[in-house]
Amino acid sequence: MRFRFLLPLLTLTLLSLTSCNRSSGSTWEDVKTLGRYIQRSSRMLFKSDADSKLISDREEFFEPMEDEFIPLNQSEMLAAEGALSNSRDAPERVIASAHERDIPNIESFKNPTNELANIFKLVHFHTDSHVLQEREFQAIVDNISKHMRKNKDLYVFVLG
């Protein structure tokens, strides 16, 4: 009687072990997937036509935006502007503010009169070169600089 009971049990055990080819890695993945489903309140388990996506809402892609941008106060902005340094290439100069020197706006500039037109002539140079190649253009720029040294209140608007 013992043998009758033991033989079917042994046969069933051997058949169940040989027919199952699951590795421990795939079992662990199944456990993790089940944990995700349980975490999502099991709503995917009971849907008949549900896809296997773990994201159910578009908002789950975006993290909460907390204190991402904090605007500066006026006093902090002034302190930050003072901390900015000038370029290393340009020499540091003290320039008076616009209300002290009355720098004209663009609309205030006019074409030079006949007298000034002889000094302020057009100068052409290649855009990939900062050096004037022709002697004529160098002489024009030299005359302009001499005239501007004599007339300190003269402003030039350069187009290029």
N, C-alpha and C. Protein backbone atom coordinates (compact mmCIF):
# COMPACT_ATOMS: atom_id res chain seq x y z
N MET A 1 0.81 -1.17 0.00
CA MET A 1 0.00 0.00 0.00
C MET A 1 0.88 1.26 0.00
N ARG A 2 1.91 1.17 0.73
CA ARG A 2 2.84 2.30 0.74
C ARG A 2 3.43 2.53 -0.63
N PHE A 3 3.74 1.47 -1.28
CA PHE A 3 4.36 1.58 -2.58
C PHE A 3 3.40 2.18 -3.60
N ARG A 4 2.14 1.83 -3.48
CA ARG A 4 1.12 2.37 -4.37
C ARG A 4 0.97 3.88 -4.20
N PHE A 5 1.09 4.34 -3.02
CA PHE A 5 0.94 5.77 -2.74
C PHE A 5 2.22 6.53 -3.08
N LEU A 6 3.35 5.90 -2.84
CA LEU A 6 4.64 6.54 -3.05
C LEU A 6 5.01 6.62 -4.53
N LEU A 7 4.65 5.63 -5.31
CA LEU A 7 4.99 5.61 -6.73
C LEU A 7 4.32 6.76 -7.50
N PRO A 8 3.02 6.99 -7.38
CA PRO A 8 2.41 8.13 -8.10
C PRO A 8 2.96 9.48 -7.61
N LEU A 9 3.26 9.59 -6.33
CA LEU A 9 3.80 10.84 -5.79
C LEU A 9 5.19 11.10 -6.36
N LEU A 10 6.01 10.07 -6.43
CA LEU A 10 7.35 10.20 -6.99
C LEU A 10 7.29 10.52 -8.49
N THR A 11 6.39 9.89 -9.21
CA THR A 11 6.22 10.14 -10.65
C THR A 11 5.75 11.58 -10.90
N LEU A 12 4.82 12.03 -10.13
CA LEU A 12 4.31 13.39 -10.26
C LEU A 12 5.39 14.42 -9.95
N THR A 13 6.20 14.15 -8.96
CA THR A 13 7.29 15.06 -8.60
C THR A 13 8.33 15.12 -9.70
N LEU A 14 8.72 13.99 -10.24
CA LEU A 14 9.72 13.96 -11.31
C LEU A 14 9.21 14.64 -12.57
N LEU A 15 7.96 14.41 -12.92
CA LEU A 15 7.40 15.05 -14.10
C LEU A 15 7.28 16.57 -13.93
N SER A 16 6.93 17.00 -12.76
CA SER A 16 6.79 18.44 -12.54
C SER A 16 8.15 19.14 -12.55
N LEU A 17 9.19 18.48 -12.09
CA LEU A 17 10.51 19.10 -12.08
C LEU A 17 11.12 19.15 -13.47
N THR A 18 10.89 18.13 -14.29
CA THR A 18 11.48 18.12 -15.62
C THR A 18 10.72 18.99 -16.61
N SER A 19 9.45 19.19 -16.41
CA SER A 19 8.67 19.98 -17.37
C SER A 19 8.80 21.48 -17.13
N CYS A 20 9.32 21.88 -16.02
CA CYS A 20 9.43 23.30 -15.68
C CYS A 20 10.87 23.76 -15.90
N ASN A 21 11.08 24.66 -16.85
CA ASN A 21 12.41 25.17 -17.16
C ASN A 21 12.53 26.65 -16.81
N ARG A 22 12.10 27.07 -15.70
CA ARG A 22 12.18 28.47 -15.30
C ARG A 22 13.46 28.69 -14.52
N SER A 23 14.12 29.78 -14.83
CA SER A 23 15.34 30.10 -14.10
C SER A 23 15.00 31.01 -12.93
N SER A 24 15.95 31.15 -12.05
CA SER A 24 15.71 32.02 -10.89
C SER A 24 15.63 33.48 -11.32
N GLY A 25 16.31 33.85 -12.41
CA GLY A 25 16.25 35.22 -12.91
C GLY A 25 14.87 35.59 -13.41
N SER A 26 14.25 34.69 -14.17
CA SER A 26 12.90 34.99 -14.68
C SER A 26 11.88 34.99 -13.55
N THR A 27 12.09 34.15 -12.56
CA THR A 27 11.19 34.15 -11.40
C THR A 27 11.31 35.47 -10.66
N TRP A 28 12.52 35.97 -10.51
CA TRP A 28 12.72 37.26 -9.83
C TRP A 28 12.06 38.40 -10.61
N GLU A 29 12.16 38.36 -11.94
CA GLU A 29 11.50 39.38 -12.77
C GLU A 29 9.99 39.32 -12.60
N ASP A 30 9.45 38.12 -12.52
CA ASP A 30 8.00 37.98 -12.30
C ASP A 30 7.59 38.54 -10.95
N VAL A 31 8.41 38.32 -9.94
CA VAL A 31 8.11 38.85 -8.60
C VAL A 31 8.14 40.38 -8.63
N LYS A 32 9.11 40.96 -9.32
CA LYS A 32 9.18 42.42 -9.41
C LYS A 32 7.97 42.98 -10.17
N THR A 33 7.59 42.30 -11.26
CA THR A 33 6.43 42.75 -12.02
C THR A 33 5.16 42.67 -11.18
N LEU A 34 5.02 41.60 -10.43
CA LEU A 34 3.86 41.46 -9.55
C LEU A 34 3.86 42.57 -8.51
N GLY A 35 5.02 42.89 -7.98
CA GLY A 35 5.10 43.99 -7.02
C GLY A 35 4.68 45.31 -7.63
N ARG A 36 5.04 45.53 -8.89
CA ARG A 36 4.62 46.77 -9.57
C ARG A 36 3.11 46.80 -9.76
N TYR A 37 2.54 45.66 -10.12
CA TYR A 37 1.09 45.61 -10.29
C TYR A 37 0.37 45.85 -8.97
N ILE A 38 0.87 45.27 -7.91
CA ILE A 38 0.24 45.49 -6.61
C ILE A 38 0.39 46.94 -6.20
N GLN A 39 1.53 47.53 -6.51
CA GLN A 39 1.77 48.93 -6.18
C GLN A 39 0.78 49.83 -6.93
N ARG A 40 0.37 49.47 -8.10
CA ARG A 40 -0.58 50.26 -8.88
C ARG A 40 -2.02 49.91 -8.54
N SER A 41 -2.24 49.41 -7.36
CA SER A 41 -3.58 49.08 -6.85
C SER A 41 -4.27 47.99 -7.66
N SER A 42 -3.50 47.13 -8.24
CA SER A 42 -3.99 45.94 -8.95
C SER A 42 -4.98 46.25 -10.05
N ARG A 43 -5.00 47.46 -10.57
CA ARG A 43 -5.97 47.79 -11.61
C ARG A 43 -5.66 47.10 -12.93
N MET A 44 -4.40 46.77 -13.17
CA MET A 44 -4.04 46.10 -14.41
C MET A 44 -4.37 44.61 -14.39
N LEU A 45 -4.40 44.02 -13.23
CA LEU A 45 -4.65 42.58 -13.14
C LEU A 45 -6.07 42.22 -13.54
N PHE A 46 -7.01 43.11 -13.29
CA PHE A 46 -8.41 42.78 -13.50
C PHE A 46 -8.98 43.34 -14.80
N LYS A 47 -8.20 44.02 -15.57
CA LYS A 47 -8.67 44.51 -16.86
C LYS A 47 -8.47 43.43 -17.90
N SER A 48 -9.47 43.23 -18.72
CA SER A 48 -9.36 42.16 -19.72
C SER A 48 -8.56 42.61 -20.94
N ASP A 49 -8.68 43.87 -21.35
CA ASP A 49 -7.98 44.33 -22.54
C ASP A 49 -6.84 45.29 -22.20
N ALA A 50 -6.31 45.19 -21.02
CA ALA A 50 -5.27 46.13 -20.59
C ALA A 50 -3.93 45.76 -21.21
N ASP A 51 -3.18 46.77 -21.60
CA ASP A 51 -1.84 46.50 -22.07
C ASP A 51 -0.90 46.44 -20.86
N SER A 52 0.29 45.99 -21.09
CA SER A 52 1.19 45.74 -19.96
C SER A 52 2.04 46.94 -19.59
N LYS A 53 1.64 48.14 -19.99
CA LYS A 53 2.40 49.33 -19.65
C LYS A 53 2.24 49.65 -18.18
N LEU A 54 3.34 50.04 -17.56
CA LEU A 54 3.28 50.37 -16.15
C LEU A 54 2.92 51.84 -15.93
N ILE A 55 2.95 52.63 -16.99
CA ILE A 55 2.56 54.04 -16.91
C ILE A 55 1.12 54.14 -17.38
N SER A 56 0.27 54.68 -16.54
CA SER A 56 -1.14 54.77 -16.91
C SER A 56 -1.59 56.20 -17.16
N ASP A 57 -0.75 57.19 -16.80
CA ASP A 57 -1.15 58.58 -16.94
C ASP A 57 0.04 59.39 -17.46
N ARG A 58 -0.22 60.37 -18.32
CA ARG A 58 0.87 61.19 -18.88
C ARG A 58 1.60 61.97 -17.80
N GLU A 59 0.92 62.32 -16.74
CA GLU A 59 1.52 63.12 -15.66
C GLU A 59 2.61 62.35 -14.92
N GLU A 60 2.64 61.04 -15.05
CA GLU A 60 3.66 60.25 -14.35
C GLU A 60 5.04 60.44 -14.96
N PHE A 61 5.11 60.99 -16.18
CA PHE A 61 6.40 61.26 -16.80
C PHE A 61 7.07 62.49 -16.21
N PHE A 62 6.30 63.40 -15.65
CA PHE A 62 6.83 64.67 -15.19
C PHE A 62 6.99 64.65 -13.68
N GLU A 63 8.14 65.14 -13.23
CA GLU A 63 8.37 65.25 -11.80
C GLU A 63 7.76 66.54 -11.29
N PRO A 64 7.46 66.62 -10.02
CA PRO A 64 6.91 67.88 -9.50
C PRO A 64 7.95 68.99 -9.58
N MET A 65 7.51 70.16 -9.97
CA MET A 65 8.41 71.30 -10.13
C MET A 65 8.36 72.13 -8.85
N GLU A 66 9.31 71.90 -7.99
CA GLU A 66 9.35 72.60 -6.72
C GLU A 66 10.58 73.50 -6.69
N ASP A 67 10.37 74.78 -6.51
CA ASP A 67 11.44 75.76 -6.34
C ASP A 67 12.49 75.65 -7.44
N GLU A 68 12.04 75.45 -8.67
CA GLU A 68 12.99 75.32 -9.76
C GLU A 68 13.58 76.68 -10.13
N PHE A 69 12.75 77.72 -10.08
CA PHE A 69 13.21 79.07 -10.41
C PHE A 69 12.84 80.00 -9.27
N ILE A 70 13.84 80.66 -8.73
CA ILE A 70 13.62 81.61 -7.65
C ILE A 70 14.09 82.97 -8.15
N PRO A 71 13.18 83.93 -8.36
CA PRO A 71 13.62 85.24 -8.85
C PRO A 71 14.37 86.00 -7.78
N LEU A 72 15.31 86.84 -8.22
CA LEU A 72 16.11 87.64 -7.29
C LEU A 72 15.38 88.92 -6.92
N ASN A 73 15.62 89.40 -5.72
CA ASN A 73 15.12 90.71 -5.31
C ASN A 73 15.96 91.78 -5.99
N GLN A 74 15.49 93.02 -5.93
CA GLN A 74 16.22 94.13 -6.55
C GLN A 74 17.60 94.29 -5.93
N SER A 75 17.70 94.16 -4.61
CA SER A 75 19.01 94.32 -3.95
C SER A 75 19.96 93.19 -4.34
N GLU A 76 19.43 91.98 -4.49
CA GLU A 76 20.28 90.85 -4.91
C GLU A 76 20.76 91.03 -6.34
N MET A 77 19.91 91.60 -7.20
CA MET A 77 20.31 91.84 -8.59
C MET A 77 21.43 92.87 -8.66
N LEU A 78 21.33 93.92 -7.86
CA LEU A 78 22.38 94.94 -7.85
C LEU A 78 23.70 94.36 -7.35
N ALA A 79 23.62 93.49 -6.34
CA ALA A 79 24.84 92.86 -5.82
C ALA A 79 25.45 91.93 -6.87
N ALA A 80 24.60 91.23 -7.63
CA ALA A 80 25.09 90.32 -8.66
C ALA A 80 25.74 91.08 -9.81
N GLU A 81 25.18 92.23 -10.18
CA GLU A 81 25.77 93.03 -11.26
C GLU A 81 27.14 93.55 -10.87
N GLY A 82 27.32 93.89 -9.60
CA GLY A 82 28.62 94.37 -9.15
C GLY A 82 29.67 93.28 -9.16
N ALA A 83 29.25 92.04 -9.01
CA ALA A 83 30.19 90.92 -8.98
C ALA A 83 30.66 90.51 -10.36
N LEU A 84 29.92 90.91 -11.40
CA LEU A 84 30.32 90.55 -12.76
C LEU A 84 31.57 91.31 -13.15
N SER A 85 32.51 90.61 -13.75
CA SER A 85 33.75 91.26 -14.15
C SER A 85 33.70 91.59 -15.64
N ASN A 86 34.51 92.54 -16.03
CA ASN A 86 34.62 92.89 -17.45
C ASN A 86 35.45 91.84 -18.16
N SER A 87 35.43 91.89 -19.46
CA SER A 87 36.21 90.96 -20.25
C SER A 87 37.70 91.16 -19.99
N ARG A 88 38.45 90.08 -20.04
CA ARG A 88 39.90 90.19 -19.82
C ARG A 88 40.59 90.88 -20.98
N ASP A 89 40.01 90.78 -22.17
CA ASP A 89 40.64 91.36 -23.35
C ASP A 89 40.49 92.88 -23.40
N ALA A 90 39.36 93.39 -22.92
CA ALA A 90 39.11 94.83 -22.99
C ALA A 90 39.66 95.51 -21.75
N PRO A 91 40.33 96.65 -21.93
CA PRO A 91 40.82 97.36 -20.74
C PRO A 91 39.66 97.92 -19.95
N GLU A 92 39.82 97.94 -18.65
CA GLU A 92 38.75 98.42 -17.79
C GLU A 92 38.75 99.94 -17.78
N ARG A 93 37.60 100.52 -18.11
CA ARG A 93 37.47 101.97 -18.15
C ARG A 93 36.26 102.38 -17.34
N VAL A 94 36.36 103.55 -16.76
CA VAL A 94 35.22 104.10 -16.04
C VAL A 94 34.47 105.01 -17.00
N ILE A 95 33.23 104.66 -17.28
CA ILE A 95 32.41 105.44 -18.20
C ILE A 95 31.28 106.05 -17.40
N ALA A 96 31.07 107.34 -17.56
CA ALA A 96 29.99 108.01 -16.85
C ALA A 96 28.66 107.48 -17.36
N SER A 97 27.67 107.52 -16.51
CA SER A 97 26.36 107.02 -16.90
C SER A 97 25.74 107.93 -17.94
N ALA A 98 24.73 107.44 -18.64
CA ALA A 98 24.14 108.16 -19.77
C ALA A 98 23.51 109.48 -19.34
N HIS A 99 22.92 109.54 -18.17
CA HIS A 99 22.28 110.79 -17.76
C HIS A 99 23.30 111.86 -17.41
N GLU A 100 24.53 111.49 -17.14
CA GLU A 100 25.57 112.48 -16.85
C GLU A 100 26.19 113.05 -18.12
N ARG A 101 26.28 112.24 -19.17
CA ARG A 101 27.00 112.67 -20.37
C ARG A 101 26.09 112.96 -21.55
N ASP A 102 24.81 112.71 -21.45
CA ASP A 102 23.86 112.97 -22.53
C ASP A 102 24.28 112.34 -23.84
N ILE A 103 24.46 111.04 -23.83
CA ILE A 103 24.80 110.31 -25.06
C ILE A 103 23.56 110.30 -25.94
N PRO A 104 23.68 110.74 -27.19
CA PRO A 104 22.49 110.83 -28.06
C PRO A 104 22.00 109.44 -28.48
N ASN A 105 20.71 109.38 -28.78
CA ASN A 105 20.17 108.12 -29.29
C ASN A 105 20.39 108.06 -30.80
N ILE A 106 20.05 106.95 -31.41
CA ILE A 106 20.37 106.72 -32.83
C ILE A 106 19.68 107.74 -33.73
N GLU A 107 18.46 108.13 -33.38
CA GLU A 107 17.72 109.08 -34.21
C GLU A 107 18.39 110.46 -34.24
N SER A 108 19.22 110.77 -33.27
CA SER A 108 19.88 112.09 -33.22
C SER A 108 21.04 112.21 -34.19
N PHE A 109 21.54 111.11 -34.71
CA PHE A 109 22.68 111.16 -35.63
C PHE A 109 22.21 111.58 -37.01
N LYS A 110 23.03 112.39 -37.68
CA LYS A 110 22.73 112.87 -39.03
C LYS A 110 23.94 112.64 -39.92
N ASN A 111 23.69 112.67 -41.19
CA ASN A 111 24.81 112.58 -42.14
C ASN A 111 25.69 113.81 -41.98
N PRO A 112 27.00 113.67 -42.16
CA PRO A 112 27.89 114.83 -41.96
C PRO A 112 27.64 115.93 -42.99
N THR A 113 27.85 117.16 -42.54
CA THR A 113 27.72 118.31 -43.44
C THR A 113 28.89 118.32 -44.41
N ASN A 114 28.91 119.30 -45.33
CA ASN A 114 29.98 119.35 -46.35
C ASN A 114 31.36 119.42 -45.71
N GLU A 115 31.48 120.22 -44.66
CA GLU A 115 32.78 120.37 -43.99
C GLU A 115 33.21 119.05 -43.35
N LEU A 116 32.27 118.39 -42.66
CA LEU A 116 32.60 117.12 -42.00
C LEU A 116 32.66 115.96 -42.99
N ALA A 117 31.98 116.09 -44.12
CA ALA A 117 31.99 115.01 -45.12
C ALA A 117 33.38 114.82 -45.71
N ASN A 118 34.20 115.87 -45.71
CA ASN A 118 35.58 115.72 -46.19
C ASN A 118 36.42 114.91 -45.22
N ILE A 119 36.03 114.90 -43.94
CA ILE A 119 36.77 114.13 -42.92
C ILE A 119 36.20 112.72 -42.79
N PHE A 120 34.86 112.65 -42.65
CA PHE A 120 34.19 111.36 -42.44
C PHE A 120 33.79 110.76 -43.78
N LYS A 121 34.68 109.99 -44.36
CA LYS A 121 34.44 109.32 -45.64
C LYS A 121 34.23 107.83 -45.38
N LEU A 122 33.64 107.17 -46.36
CA LEU A 122 33.41 105.73 -46.23
C LEU A 122 34.73 104.97 -46.30
N VAL A 123 34.83 103.97 -45.46
CA VAL A 123 36.02 103.11 -45.42
C VAL A 123 35.54 101.68 -45.61
N HIS A 124 36.15 100.97 -46.54
CA HIS A 124 35.77 99.58 -46.81
C HIS A 124 36.90 98.65 -46.38
N PHE A 125 36.53 97.53 -45.77
CA PHE A 125 37.52 96.50 -45.44
C PHE A 125 36.82 95.16 -45.41
N HIS A 126 37.60 94.11 -45.54
CA HIS A 126 37.06 92.75 -45.55
C HIS A 126 36.56 92.39 -44.16
N THR A 127 35.46 91.66 -44.11
CA THR A 127 34.87 91.31 -42.81
C THR A 127 35.72 90.32 -42.04
N ASP A 128 36.57 89.56 -42.70
CA ASP A 128 37.41 88.60 -41.99
C ASP A 128 38.76 89.18 -41.59
N SER A 129 38.93 90.49 -41.76
CA SER A 129 40.18 91.13 -41.40
C SER A 129 39.88 92.40 -40.60
N HIS A 130 40.64 92.63 -39.55
CA HIS A 130 40.45 93.83 -38.73
C HIS A 130 41.45 94.92 -39.09
N VAL A 131 42.25 94.68 -40.10
CA VAL A 131 43.29 95.63 -40.51
C VAL A 131 42.90 96.24 -41.85
N LEU A 132 43.03 97.56 -41.95
CA LEU A 132 42.80 98.25 -43.23
C LEU A 132 44.00 98.02 -44.13
N GLN A 133 43.76 97.54 -45.33
CA GLN A 133 44.85 97.17 -46.24
C GLN A 133 45.34 98.36 -47.06
N GLU A 134 44.44 99.25 -47.46
CA GLU A 134 44.83 100.34 -48.36
C GLU A 134 45.25 101.57 -47.57
N ARG A 135 46.28 102.23 -48.06
CA ARG A 135 46.82 103.43 -47.39
C ARG A 135 45.78 104.55 -47.36
N GLU A 136 44.97 104.65 -48.40
CA GLU A 136 43.95 105.70 -48.46
C GLU A 136 42.97 105.57 -47.28
N PHE A 137 42.53 104.34 -46.99
CA PHE A 137 41.60 104.12 -45.89
C PHE A 137 42.27 104.37 -44.54
N GLN A 138 43.54 104.02 -44.43
CA GLN A 138 44.28 104.29 -43.19
C GLN A 138 44.39 105.79 -42.94
N ALA A 139 44.59 106.56 -44.00
CA ALA A 139 44.67 108.02 -43.87
C ALA A 139 43.33 108.61 -43.45
N ILE A 140 42.22 108.07 -43.98
CA ILE A 140 40.89 108.55 -43.61
C ILE A 140 40.64 108.32 -42.12
N VAL A 141 40.96 107.13 -41.63
CA VAL A 141 40.75 106.82 -40.21
C VAL A 141 41.66 107.69 -39.35
N ASP A 142 42.86 107.96 -39.80
CA ASP A 142 43.77 108.83 -39.05
C ASP A 142 43.21 110.25 -38.95
N ASN A 143 42.65 110.78 -40.05
CA ASN A 143 42.03 112.11 -40.02
C ASN A 143 40.81 112.14 -39.09
N ILE A 144 40.01 111.09 -39.11
CA ILE A 144 38.84 111.02 -38.22
C ILE A 144 39.28 111.04 -36.76
N SER A 145 40.32 110.28 -36.43
CA SER A 145 40.78 110.24 -35.03
C SER A 145 41.34 111.58 -34.58
N LYS A 146 42.05 112.28 -35.47
CA LYS A 146 42.57 113.62 -35.13
C LYS A 146 41.43 114.60 -34.87
N HIS A 147 40.41 114.55 -35.73
CA HIS A 147 39.27 115.46 -35.58
C HIS A 147 38.50 115.16 -34.28
N MET A 148 38.35 113.89 -33.95
CA MET A 148 37.61 113.53 -32.73
C MET A 148 38.39 113.88 -31.47
N ARG A 149 39.71 113.87 -31.52
CA ARG A 149 40.50 114.30 -30.36
C ARG A 149 40.32 115.79 -30.11
N LYS A 150 40.18 116.56 -31.17
CA LYS A 150 39.97 118.00 -31.02
C LYS A 150 38.56 118.32 -30.52
N ASN A 151 37.57 117.56 -30.95
CA ASN A 151 36.16 117.79 -30.61
C ASN A 151 35.68 116.66 -29.71
N LYS A 152 35.79 116.85 -28.41
CA LYS A 152 35.46 115.79 -27.44
C LYS A 152 33.96 115.48 -27.38
N ASP A 153 33.10 116.42 -27.79
CA ASP A 153 31.65 116.20 -27.73
C ASP A 153 31.09 115.59 -29.00
N LEU A 154 31.93 115.11 -29.86
CA LEU A 154 31.51 114.54 -31.13
C LEU A 154 31.31 113.03 -30.97
N TYR A 155 30.19 112.53 -31.47
CA TYR A 155 29.89 111.10 -31.42
C TYR A 155 29.78 110.57 -32.83
N VAL A 156 30.22 109.34 -33.03
CA VAL A 156 30.18 108.71 -34.35
C VAL A 156 29.35 107.45 -34.24
N PHE A 157 28.45 107.29 -35.18
CA PHE A 157 27.63 106.08 -35.27
C PHE A 157 28.18 105.25 -36.42
N VAL A 158 28.67 104.06 -36.12
CA VAL A 158 29.33 103.23 -37.12
C VAL A 158 28.38 102.12 -37.55
N LEU A 159 28.21 101.97 -38.84
CA LEU A 159 27.42 100.87 -39.40
C LEU A 159 28.36 99.90 -40.08
N GLY A 160 28.00 98.65 -40.04
CA GLY A 160 28.87 97.68 -40.70
C GLY A 160 28.13 96.44 -41.07
